[in-house]
Amino acid sequence: MKRICTLLILALVMVSTNLVAQRYLTQTFDDVTVTSGVTYGVNATVLLVPIVGQAIPEELKMDIYQPAGDAETSRPVVLYFHTGNFLPHPQNGSPGGLRTDSAAVEICTRLAKMGYVVASCSYRLGWNPQSQDQDVRVNTLINAAYRGVQDCRTAIRFFRKSHAESGNPYGIDPNRVVVWGQGTGGYIAFASATIDEYLDIVLPKFTTEINGNPVPMVIESINGDIFGTSYGVFGGDTLCYPNHTGYSSDFNVMVNMGGACGDISWVDESDVPMISFQVPTDPFAPYTTGTLIVPVLNYNVVEVSGSYDVQEAVAGFGTNDVFELAEGYAPGLPYTTSANELNNGFKGLYPLVGSNPFDSAPWEWWASTNVNNANGLATNPDMSEMKAMSYIDSIMGYAAPRIACALDLPESPCFVGIYEKEEMDVKVFPNPAYDRFTIRSGDNIRMYTIYDITGKVVRSRQNINANNEVVRIEDLTRGIYMVEITTDSGVMTRKITKE
């Protein structure tokens, strides 16, 4: 009887879900409300140093998008960082560079219509791409990126503080946070996802020589810590002001559209899952590992690693295994199929093939009256709203189920619901398996250990803390293995056959 009642209730839930579409996976709201110009922090900008002679405080602004008429008060929040070469528009020579750029507004609006709270964030600008000295270009750029990371983490803490101290005015879930970067914002997103400590920055390529001695280009006591929670002081000038201290700067998943990672060594097993979109022929940011080039000026800056190499490293750590169960999600299946034809098996990578060899950001469009229209057309000659929307369709279709899985949302293809938990034992499937299998449990999975028939440990992973775990076994020989699984409820063993 209990089983029948459970199935009836589950059926009603499924019917209800189908009637109201799938929140966080498809657009379920018709309109959004936008609160513009919200101050999320104050920090020191160097942009006006040539004029005023020192860094001065700057209010950091964001526009907050919410689904109109939404009764939900615990929603994931997405922090969106626009493009712009770390320089103000229009001086950056690019048709974009504002939190109100067409692509930024479109993506933020779509995410809000899916049920997310979305913040389109401005961040501090300023570096010297025109210097004839490459050392100066590298020095000023890594400092700009470092400030971008501080601002990103400040924005995260702003929402957590508003939730804890101001009655949660934006209706957010402080435990589900996404960082999404476009172009230059992609550099911020990559760095925020991969820089774990200040020493990550202290690399030979980010070191300069002063009086014959090597000196880091970023110094924590001068620039503040990587979270922007400590003062940075140089002489009598303050270069970093703490904001919202005492709150976590962590987030759950990163999305980049273009951009690159400052150094592949930053990627490690502690990083969050990553979803990457990039044109492999991007002339400015390398798809693999190569030299970052200043748009318009075409000056070389420093070696960085693009989406392909980052995703290859992430795959080695198993970070994106959480996306495995999103592969068969029906509404997003065409985009998954398209991505998998080109991504070499990296489950978070969508190589977007441009319509011409110069494409770097085919998702962007702008008015023909834009002062930098000619520069934009040089790398996007067939730019149009229709073209951009087509690429954004692909980006949203691929990203949506994977973000939902990374956030462990009830609507996601990966979630184990309360009715499933009530009846579910630990399952291992498929069985037999070829190159991988999935452990699925109604309880939190803590760890697993795989033994061969002699009792030798051939694979083990700890600190999983999820209801699903994808285990890769392509390197194991054919045969029978025992999988010991530890959940919050105890330890159990399952047999699996590798073919």
Protein backbone atom coordinates (compact mmCIF):
# COMPACT_ATOMS: atom_id res chain seq x y z
CA MET A 1 0.00 0.00 0.00
CA LYS A 2 2.82 2.37 0.90
CA ARG A 3 4.45 1.66 -2.47
CA ILE A 4 1.19 2.42 -4.35
CA CYS A 5 0.63 5.69 -2.48
CA THR A 6 4.19 6.76 -3.14
CA LEU A 7 3.83 6.09 -6.87
CA LEU A 8 0.53 7.98 -7.02
CA ILE A 9 2.02 10.99 -5.28
CA LEU A 10 5.08 10.86 -7.54
CA ALA A 11 2.84 10.70 -10.62
CA LEU A 12 0.91 13.77 -9.45
CA VAL A 13 4.18 15.61 -8.86
CA MET A 14 5.39 14.70 -12.35
CA VAL A 15 2.15 15.88 -13.96
CA SER A 16 2.34 19.14 -12.02
CA THR A 17 5.96 19.60 -13.07
CA ASN A 18 5.11 19.08 -16.74
CA LEU A 19 2.28 21.62 -16.55
CA VAL A 20 4.48 24.38 -15.18
CA ALA A 21 7.50 23.47 -17.33
CA GLN A 22 10.89 22.98 -15.72
CA ARG A 23 12.14 25.79 -13.58
CA TYR A 24 15.89 26.45 -13.90
CA LEU A 25 15.97 24.33 -17.06
CA THR A 26 13.64 26.23 -19.38
CA GLN A 27 12.12 29.71 -19.36
CA THR A 28 9.08 29.50 -17.08
CA PHE A 29 8.43 33.23 -16.51
CA ASP A 30 7.21 35.73 -19.08
CA ASP A 31 8.92 38.82 -17.70
CA VAL A 32 11.64 40.02 -15.35
CA THR A 33 12.14 42.95 -13.03
CA VAL A 34 15.48 44.74 -13.01
CA THR A 35 16.87 46.76 -10.13
CA SER A 36 19.62 48.90 -11.65
CA GLY A 37 22.69 50.43 -10.06
CA VAL A 38 22.78 48.46 -6.80
CA THR A 39 26.03 49.13 -4.92
CA TYR A 40 27.61 45.84 -3.89
CA GLY A 41 30.85 47.26 -2.50
CA VAL A 42 33.40 50.06 -2.55
CA ASN A 43 37.01 49.52 -3.52
CA ALA A 44 40.04 51.35 -4.83
CA THR A 45 40.33 52.02 -8.56
CA VAL A 46 43.59 52.88 -10.31
CA LEU A 47 41.79 54.07 -13.44
CA LEU A 48 42.18 57.76 -12.55
CA VAL A 49 45.73 57.60 -11.14
CA PRO A 50 47.16 59.46 -14.19
CA ILE A 51 44.75 62.31 -13.42
CA VAL A 52 44.51 62.49 -9.62
CA GLY A 53 47.82 60.84 -8.73
CA GLN A 54 46.41 58.10 -6.49
CA ALA A 55 43.90 55.28 -6.27
CA ILE A 56 40.47 56.49 -5.18
CA PRO A 57 37.38 54.68 -3.83
CA GLU A 58 34.87 53.53 -6.45
CA GLU A 59 31.35 52.24 -5.87
CA LEU A 60 30.93 48.80 -7.42
CA LYS A 61 27.57 48.50 -9.17
CA MET A 62 25.33 45.67 -10.34
CA ASP A 63 21.93 45.33 -12.01
CA ILE A 64 19.80 42.62 -10.38
CA TYR A 65 17.37 40.64 -12.56
CA GLN A 66 14.53 38.65 -10.96
CA PRO A 67 11.62 36.66 -12.44
CA ALA A 68 8.50 38.83 -12.30
CA GLY A 69 5.74 37.50 -10.09
CA ASP A 70 7.85 34.75 -8.57
CA ALA A 71 6.78 33.52 -5.13
CA GLU A 72 9.94 31.52 -4.50
CA THR A 73 12.24 33.08 -1.88
CA SER A 74 15.22 30.71 -2.01
CA ARG A 75 16.66 30.95 -5.51
CA PRO A 76 20.16 30.28 -6.87
CA VAL A 77 22.04 33.44 -7.79
CA VAL A 78 24.14 33.96 -10.92
CA LEU A 79 26.85 36.64 -10.97
CA TYR A 80 27.50 37.76 -14.56
CA PHE A 81 30.71 39.60 -15.53
CA HIS A 82 30.77 41.38 -18.89
CA THR A 83 33.56 41.79 -21.44
CA GLY A 84 35.60 44.96 -22.18
CA ASN A 85 39.40 44.39 -22.00
CA PHE A 86 39.60 45.78 -18.44
CA LEU A 87 39.20 49.26 -19.93
CA PRO A 88 36.24 51.66 -20.03
CA HIS A 89 34.02 51.85 -23.07
CA PRO A 90 34.52 53.38 -25.62
CA GLN A 91 38.22 53.92 -24.87
CA ASN A 92 38.72 50.13 -24.97
CA GLY A 93 38.23 50.17 -28.75
CA SER A 94 35.57 47.47 -28.46
CA PRO A 95 31.84 47.78 -29.17
CA GLY A 96 31.21 46.20 -25.76
CA GLY A 97 32.39 46.72 -22.22
CA LEU A 98 29.32 47.52 -20.11
CA ARG A 99 27.03 45.50 -17.88
CA THR A 100 24.26 46.65 -20.22
CA ASP A 101 25.80 45.20 -23.40
CA SER A 102 23.26 43.43 -25.59
CA ALA A 103 24.58 39.90 -24.93
CA ALA A 104 24.82 40.51 -21.18
CA VAL A 105 21.24 41.78 -20.98
CA GLU A 106 19.93 38.91 -23.11
CA ILE A 107 21.62 36.16 -21.09
CA CYS A 108 20.76 37.72 -17.73
CA THR A 109 17.13 38.09 -18.84
CA ARG A 110 16.93 34.48 -20.00
CA LEU A 111 18.40 33.19 -16.75
CA ALA A 112 15.94 35.28 -14.71
CA LYS A 113 13.05 33.92 -16.80
CA MET A 114 14.29 30.45 -15.87
CA GLY A 115 13.89 31.35 -12.20
CA TYR A 116 17.37 32.50 -11.20
CA VAL A 117 18.32 35.74 -9.48
CA VAL A 118 20.97 37.27 -11.74
CA ALA A 119 23.38 40.12 -11.05
CA SER A 120 25.13 41.78 -13.98
CA CYS A 121 28.23 43.18 -12.30
CA SER A 122 30.58 46.00 -13.16
CA TYR A 123 34.11 45.68 -11.81
CA ARG A 124 37.21 47.83 -11.46
CA LEU A 125 39.08 48.66 -14.65
CA GLY A 126 42.51 49.92 -15.57
CA TRP A 127 45.79 48.63 -17.04
CA ASN A 128 48.30 49.75 -19.66
CA PRO A 129 47.90 47.73 -22.88
CA GLN A 130 49.62 50.44 -24.94
CA SER A 131 52.96 50.23 -23.17
CA GLN A 132 55.89 49.32 -25.42
CA ASP A 133 57.30 47.37 -22.45
CA GLN A 134 55.80 43.87 -22.30
CA ASP A 135 56.74 43.63 -18.61
CA VAL A 136 54.50 46.64 -17.93
CA ARG A 137 51.66 45.11 -19.94
CA VAL A 138 51.89 41.85 -17.98
CA ASN A 139 52.24 43.64 -14.62
CA THR A 140 49.26 45.91 -15.10
CA LEU A 141 47.08 43.15 -16.56
CA ILE A 142 47.62 40.60 -13.77
CA ASN A 143 46.83 43.35 -11.29
CA ALA A 144 43.62 44.16 -13.18
CA ALA A 145 42.62 40.49 -13.17
CA TYR A 146 43.44 40.24 -9.45
CA ARG A 147 41.12 43.19 -8.74
CA GLY A 148 38.47 41.48 -10.85
CA VAL A 149 38.71 38.36 -8.67
CA GLN A 150 38.41 40.49 -5.53
CA ASP A 151 35.31 42.20 -6.95
CA CYS A 152 33.75 38.87 -7.95
CA ARG A 153 34.19 37.52 -4.45
CA THR A 154 32.95 40.78 -2.95
CA ALA A 155 29.73 40.42 -4.98
CA ILE A 156 29.25 36.87 -3.67
CA ARG A 157 29.65 38.06 -0.08
CA PHE A 158 27.25 40.96 -0.72
CA PHE A 159 24.43 38.50 -1.41
CA ARG A 160 25.30 36.28 1.53
CA LYS A 161 25.35 39.31 3.83
CA SER A 162 22.02 40.54 2.45
CA HIS A 163 20.55 37.11 3.16
CA ALA A 164 21.89 36.98 6.71
CA GLU A 165 21.52 40.58 7.86
CA SER A 166 18.91 42.31 5.68
CA GLY A 167 16.07 39.81 5.55
CA ASN A 168 17.07 38.27 2.20
CA PRO A 169 15.65 41.10 0.03
CA TYR A 170 16.58 39.35 -3.24
CA GLY A 171 15.19 35.94 -2.30
CA ILE A 172 18.42 34.01 -2.83
CA ASP A 173 19.74 30.65 -1.68
CA PRO A 174 23.19 31.53 -0.27
CA ASN A 175 24.41 27.96 -0.82
CA ARG A 176 23.82 27.95 -4.58
CA VAL A 177 25.97 30.48 -6.44
CA VAL A 178 27.11 30.58 -10.08
CA VAL A 179 29.88 32.78 -11.54
CA TRP A 180 29.47 33.46 -15.28
CA GLY A 181 32.02 35.42 -17.30
CA GLN A 182 31.91 36.72 -20.88
CA GLY A 183 35.13 37.68 -22.68
CA THR A 184 37.20 39.62 -20.16
CA GLY A 185 34.68 38.43 -17.58
CA GLY A 186 35.77 34.91 -18.58
CA TYR A 187 39.26 35.69 -17.27
CA ILE A 188 37.69 36.81 -13.99
CA ALA A 189 35.53 33.68 -13.82
CA PHE A 190 38.46 31.34 -14.55
CA ALA A 191 40.70 33.03 -11.99
CA SER A 192 37.97 33.11 -9.34
CA ALA A 193 37.37 29.39 -9.84
CA THR A 194 41.01 28.33 -9.75
CA ILE A 195 43.05 30.70 -7.54
CA ASP A 196 42.96 29.12 -4.09
CA GLU A 197 45.67 31.12 -2.36
CA TYR A 198 47.93 34.11 -2.90
CA LEU A 199 50.94 31.90 -3.73
CA ASP A 200 49.18 30.79 -6.93
CA ILE A 201 49.95 34.27 -8.29
CA VAL A 202 53.65 34.13 -7.45
CA LEU A 203 54.89 32.60 -10.69
CA PRO A 204 57.98 33.53 -12.74
CA LYS A 205 55.86 35.07 -15.52
CA PHE A 206 54.12 37.27 -12.94
CA THR A 207 57.42 38.40 -11.39
CA THR A 208 59.43 41.47 -12.31
CA GLU A 209 63.00 42.51 -11.54
CA ILE A 210 63.66 45.53 -9.33
CA ASN A 211 67.28 46.49 -8.58
CA GLY A 212 68.35 43.04 -9.72
CA ASN A 213 65.92 41.22 -7.43
CA PRO A 214 62.79 39.26 -8.47
CA VAL A 215 59.61 40.84 -7.06
CA PRO A 216 56.05 39.51 -7.47
CA MET A 217 53.85 41.74 -9.60
CA VAL A 218 51.05 41.25 -7.08
CA ILE A 219 51.93 41.66 -3.40
CA GLU A 220 49.31 40.75 -0.84
CA SER A 221 50.14 43.53 1.62
CA ILE A 222 49.89 46.08 -1.20
CA ASN A 223 47.01 44.65 -3.26
CA GLY A 224 44.97 43.03 -0.49
CA ASP A 225 44.20 39.31 -0.21
CA ILE A 226 42.67 37.29 -3.03
CA PHE A 227 39.18 37.71 -1.53
CA GLY A 228 39.35 41.49 -1.11
CA THR A 229 38.88 41.14 2.66
CA SER A 230 42.09 42.84 3.81
CA TYR A 231 43.52 46.31 3.36
CA GLY A 232 46.16 46.82 0.70
CA VAL A 233 48.41 49.82 1.27
CA PHE A 234 51.34 51.23 -0.68
CA GLY A 235 53.03 54.24 0.87
CA GLY A 236 50.15 56.52 1.76
CA ASP A 237 47.82 55.05 -0.87
CA THR A 238 45.13 52.46 -0.13
CA LEU A 239 44.74 49.95 -2.96
CA CYS A 240 42.17 47.62 -1.40
CA TYR A 241 39.28 48.17 1.03
CA PRO A 242 37.66 45.17 2.76
CA ASN A 243 33.95 44.56 2.06
CA HIS A 244 31.49 42.21 3.80
CA THR A 245 34.12 40.38 5.81
CA GLY A 246 33.08 37.30 7.74
CA TYR A 247 31.10 35.76 4.86
CA SER A 248 32.19 33.01 2.48
CA SER A 249 33.43 33.86 -1.02
CA ASP A 250 32.84 30.32 -2.31
CA PHE A 251 30.63 29.40 -5.24
CA ASN A 252 29.41 26.18 -6.83
CA VAL A 253 29.96 26.29 -10.59
CA MET A 254 31.71 28.49 -13.17
CA VAL A 255 30.68 29.32 -16.75
CA ASN A 256 32.98 31.08 -19.21
CA MET A 257 32.28 32.40 -22.69
CA GLY A 258 35.76 33.04 -24.04
CA GLY A 259 38.53 34.33 -21.84
CA ALA A 260 41.28 32.10 -20.47
CA CYS A 261 42.98 30.88 -17.30
CA GLY A 262 46.06 32.83 -16.23
CA ASP A 263 48.05 29.65 -15.67
CA ILE A 264 47.18 25.96 -16.01
CA SER A 265 48.86 25.28 -12.64
CA TRP A 266 45.93 27.05 -10.99
CA VAL A 267 43.63 24.14 -11.92
CA ASP A 268 43.49 21.44 -9.25
CA GLU A 269 41.17 18.90 -7.63
CA SER A 270 39.61 21.48 -5.29
CA ASP A 271 38.06 23.54 -8.11
CA VAL A 272 34.35 23.83 -8.82
CA PRO A 273 32.78 22.27 -11.94
CA MET A 274 33.34 24.38 -15.06
CA ILE A 275 31.32 24.90 -18.25
CA SER A 276 33.28 26.46 -21.09
CA PHE A 277 32.22 28.01 -24.40
CA GLN A 278 34.89 29.17 -26.82
CA VAL A 279 35.54 29.57 -30.52
CA PRO A 280 38.63 27.38 -31.19
CA THR A 281 39.95 29.98 -33.68
CA ASP A 282 39.61 32.89 -31.24
CA PRO A 283 42.41 35.26 -32.37
CA PHE A 284 42.86 36.91 -28.96
CA ALA A 285 42.44 34.24 -26.28
CA PRO A 286 44.03 30.84 -27.06
CA TYR A 287 41.80 27.77 -27.14
CA THR A 288 44.66 25.60 -25.83
CA THR A 289 47.76 27.29 -24.38
CA GLY A 290 49.31 30.30 -26.05
CA THR A 291 49.84 34.02 -25.88
CA LEU A 292 47.10 36.43 -24.90
CA ILE A 293 46.86 39.24 -27.45
CA VAL A 294 45.49 42.73 -26.80
CA PRO A 295 42.44 43.27 -29.06
CA VAL A 296 42.70 46.16 -31.56
CA LEU A 297 46.37 46.85 -30.70
CA ASN A 298 47.42 43.21 -31.29
CA TYR A 299 50.24 43.36 -28.72
CA ASN A 300 51.42 40.12 -27.11
CA VAL A 301 50.98 40.00 -23.33
CA VAL A 302 51.50 36.67 -21.54
CA GLU A 303 50.98 32.94 -21.94
CA VAL A 304 47.59 31.70 -20.75
CA SER A 305 45.52 28.52 -21.09
CA GLY A 306 42.18 28.46 -22.88
CA SER A 307 39.04 26.41 -22.47
CA TYR A 308 40.31 23.20 -24.09
CA ASP A 309 43.40 22.84 -21.91
CA VAL A 310 41.50 23.82 -18.76
CA GLN A 311 38.76 21.29 -19.50
CA GLU A 312 41.37 18.62 -20.17
CA ALA A 313 42.91 19.29 -16.75
CA VAL A 314 39.49 19.38 -15.08
CA ALA A 315 38.62 16.01 -16.66
CA GLY A 316 41.75 14.51 -15.13
CA PHE A 317 40.52 15.44 -11.66
CA GLY A 318 36.97 14.21 -12.28
CA THR A 319 35.61 17.64 -11.38
CA ASN A 320 33.00 17.66 -14.14
CA ASP A 321 31.77 14.10 -13.59
CA VAL A 322 28.67 15.69 -12.06
CA PHE A 323 27.62 16.61 -15.62
CA GLU A 324 27.44 12.98 -16.76
CA LEU A 325 23.74 12.61 -15.96
CA ALA A 326 22.96 15.83 -17.87
CA GLU A 327 24.15 14.22 -21.12
CA GLY A 328 20.76 12.68 -21.88
CA TYR A 329 18.59 15.62 -20.80
CA ALA A 330 16.00 15.83 -23.60
CA PRO A 331 15.53 19.63 -24.12
CA GLY A 332 19.28 20.14 -24.16
CA LEU A 333 20.16 17.02 -26.14
CA PRO A 334 20.78 18.71 -29.53
CA TYR A 335 23.32 21.03 -27.94
CA THR A 336 24.99 18.17 -26.07
CA THR A 337 25.22 16.18 -29.29
CA SER A 338 26.73 19.15 -31.11
CA ALA A 339 29.25 19.78 -28.33
CA ASN A 340 30.26 16.12 -28.06
CA GLU A 341 31.16 16.00 -31.73
CA LEU A 342 33.97 18.47 -31.02
CA ASN A 343 34.90 18.38 -27.32
CA ASN A 344 37.03 15.22 -27.24
CA GLY A 345 34.91 13.77 -24.44
CA PHE A 346 35.29 16.72 -22.07
CA LYS A 347 31.79 16.96 -20.59
CA GLY A 348 31.89 20.68 -19.76
CA LEU A 349 33.30 21.96 -23.06
CA TYR A 350 31.28 23.34 -25.97
CA PRO A 351 33.52 24.45 -28.86
CA LEU A 352 31.44 26.97 -30.81
CA VAL A 353 32.49 27.01 -34.43
CA GLY A 354 32.39 30.55 -35.75
CA SER A 355 30.94 31.50 -39.12
CA ASN A 356 34.24 33.11 -40.17
CA PRO A 357 37.90 32.56 -39.22
CA PHE A 358 38.10 35.79 -37.20
CA ASP A 359 35.20 35.11 -34.82
CA SER A 360 36.05 35.48 -31.14
CA ALA A 361 32.62 36.28 -29.67
CA PRO A 362 29.83 35.35 -32.13
CA TRP A 363 27.27 35.75 -29.31
CA GLU A 364 27.77 39.55 -29.33
CA TRP A 365 25.92 42.20 -31.32
CA TRP A 366 25.63 45.97 -31.15
CA ALA A 367 24.11 48.96 -32.90
CA SER A 368 25.71 50.15 -36.14
CA THR A 369 25.97 53.59 -34.52
CA ASN A 370 28.35 52.22 -31.87
CA VAL A 371 31.50 54.35 -31.92
CA ASN A 372 33.64 51.19 -32.14
CA ASN A 373 31.50 49.48 -34.76
CA ALA A 374 34.34 49.18 -37.28
CA ASN A 375 36.67 47.52 -34.76
CA GLY A 376 33.97 45.04 -33.82
CA LEU A 377 33.23 44.15 -37.44
CA ALA A 378 36.91 43.35 -38.00
CA THR A 379 36.48 40.14 -36.00
CA ASN A 380 32.73 39.68 -36.41
CA PRO A 381 31.98 40.91 -39.96
CA ASP A 382 28.61 39.14 -40.18
CA MET A 383 27.51 40.38 -36.75
CA SER A 384 23.74 40.45 -36.29
CA GLU A 385 21.18 39.99 -33.56
CA MET A 386 19.89 36.87 -35.30
CA LYS A 387 23.36 35.32 -35.40
CA ALA A 388 24.03 36.16 -31.75
CA MET A 389 20.68 34.76 -30.63
CA SER A 390 21.45 31.48 -32.36
CA TYR A 391 24.71 31.13 -30.44
CA ILE A 392 23.05 32.17 -27.18
CA ASP A 393 20.40 29.47 -27.76
CA SER A 394 23.20 26.91 -27.88
CA ILE A 395 24.92 28.36 -24.81
CA MET A 396 21.75 28.31 -22.71
CA GLY A 397 20.66 24.88 -23.93
CA TYR A 398 24.01 23.33 -23.02
CA ALA A 399 24.59 25.22 -19.77
CA ALA A 400 21.15 24.90 -18.14
CA PRO A 401 21.09 21.19 -17.22
CA ARG A 402 24.74 21.21 -16.19
CA ILE A 403 24.34 24.19 -13.89
CA ALA A 404 21.28 22.51 -12.37
CA CYS A 405 23.30 19.34 -11.74
CA ALA A 406 26.23 21.24 -10.23
CA LEU A 407 23.82 23.07 -7.90
CA ASP A 408 21.98 19.80 -7.08
CA LEU A 409 18.66 21.45 -7.87
CA PRO A 410 15.49 19.33 -7.46
CA GLU A 411 14.65 20.14 -11.09
CA SER A 412 17.97 18.83 -12.40
CA PRO A 413 18.52 15.55 -14.28
CA CYS A 414 20.83 14.50 -11.43
CA PHE A 415 18.63 15.11 -8.39
CA VAL A 416 17.41 12.30 -6.16
CA GLY A 417 13.98 13.34 -4.86
CA ILE A 418 12.35 12.53 -1.53
CA TYR A 419 10.12 9.82 -2.99
CA GLU A 420 13.04 8.22 -4.75
CA LYS A 421 15.07 8.37 -1.54
CA GLU A 422 12.25 6.67 0.36
CA GLU A 423 12.46 3.56 -1.80
CA MET A 424 16.00 3.69 -3.19
CA ASP A 425 18.88 1.46 -2.24
CA VAL A 426 22.35 2.24 -3.57
CA LYS A 427 22.47 1.48 -7.30
CA VAL A 428 25.44 0.92 -9.58
CA PHE A 429 24.71 1.12 -13.31
CA PRO A 430 25.14 0.21 -16.09
CA ASN A 431 26.26 -3.27 -15.20
CA PRO A 432 28.16 -4.61 -17.10
CA ALA A 433 30.06 -1.37 -17.71
CA TYR A 434 32.58 -0.44 -20.37
CA ASP A 435 34.38 2.84 -19.68
CA ARG A 436 32.38 4.18 -16.73
CA PHE A 437 29.52 3.54 -14.32
CA THR A 438 27.36 5.64 -12.02
CA ILE A 439 26.78 5.22 -8.28
CA ARG A 440 23.35 6.59 -7.38
CA SER A 441 22.08 6.76 -3.81
CA GLY A 442 19.20 8.23 -1.85
CA ASP A 443 21.75 9.11 0.82
CA ASN A 444 24.81 11.31 0.58
CA ILE A 445 27.73 9.34 -0.88
CA ARG A 446 30.89 9.93 1.14
CA MET A 447 33.41 7.69 -0.63
CA TYR A 448 33.91 4.55 -2.67
CA THR A 449 36.67 1.95 -3.06
CA ILE A 450 36.97 -0.56 -5.89
CA TYR A 451 38.68 -3.93 -5.32
CA ASP A 452 39.70 -6.50 -7.91
CA ILE A 453 39.12 -10.23 -7.35
CA THR A 454 42.41 -10.52 -5.42
CA GLY A 455 41.33 -7.83 -2.94
CA LYS A 456 43.69 -5.18 -4.33
CA VAL A 457 42.45 -1.58 -4.27
CA VAL A 458 42.33 -0.31 -7.87
CA ARG A 459 40.37 2.91 -7.42
CA SER A 460 39.23 5.06 -4.51
CA ARG A 461 37.75 8.51 -3.99
CA GLN A 462 36.82 10.35 -0.80
CA ASN A 463 34.87 13.52 0.13
CA ILE A 464 32.27 13.08 -2.63
CA ASN A 465 29.25 14.50 -0.77
CA ALA A 466 26.67 14.00 -3.54
CA ASN A 467 23.87 11.61 -4.47
CA ASN A 468 25.51 10.66 -7.77
CA GLU A 469 29.07 9.79 -8.66
CA VAL A 470 30.40 8.87 -12.11
CA VAL A 471 33.36 6.46 -11.95
CA ARG A 472 35.67 6.10 -14.95
CA ILE A 473 37.11 2.59 -15.44
CA GLU A 474 38.41 2.60 -19.02
CA ASP A 475 41.91 1.76 -17.77
CA LEU A 476 40.83 -1.32 -15.79
CA THR A 477 41.11 -4.81 -17.27
CA ARG A 478 38.00 -6.84 -18.05
CA GLY A 479 36.63 -8.79 -15.13
CA ILE A 480 34.62 -8.67 -11.91
CA TYR A 481 35.17 -5.97 -9.28
CA MET A 482 33.66 -5.18 -5.90
CA VAL A 483 32.66 -1.59 -5.16
CA GLU A 484 32.55 -0.64 -1.47
CA ILE A 485 30.37 2.45 -1.03
CA THR A 486 30.13 4.58 2.10
CA THR A 487 27.05 6.77 2.53
CA ASP A 488 25.60 8.65 5.47
CA SER A 489 23.64 5.48 6.28
CA GLY A 490 26.59 3.10 6.34
CA VAL A 491 28.79 0.90 4.15
CA MET A 492 27.58 -1.49 1.45
CA THR A 493 29.20 -3.48 -1.35
CA ARG A 494 28.11 -3.95 -4.95
CA LYS A 495 29.54 -6.23 -7.64
CA ILE A 496 30.19 -4.85 -11.11
CA THR A 497 31.53 -6.38 -14.28
CA LYS A 498 33.95 -4.48 -16.51
CA GLU A 499 33.71 -5.47 -20.18
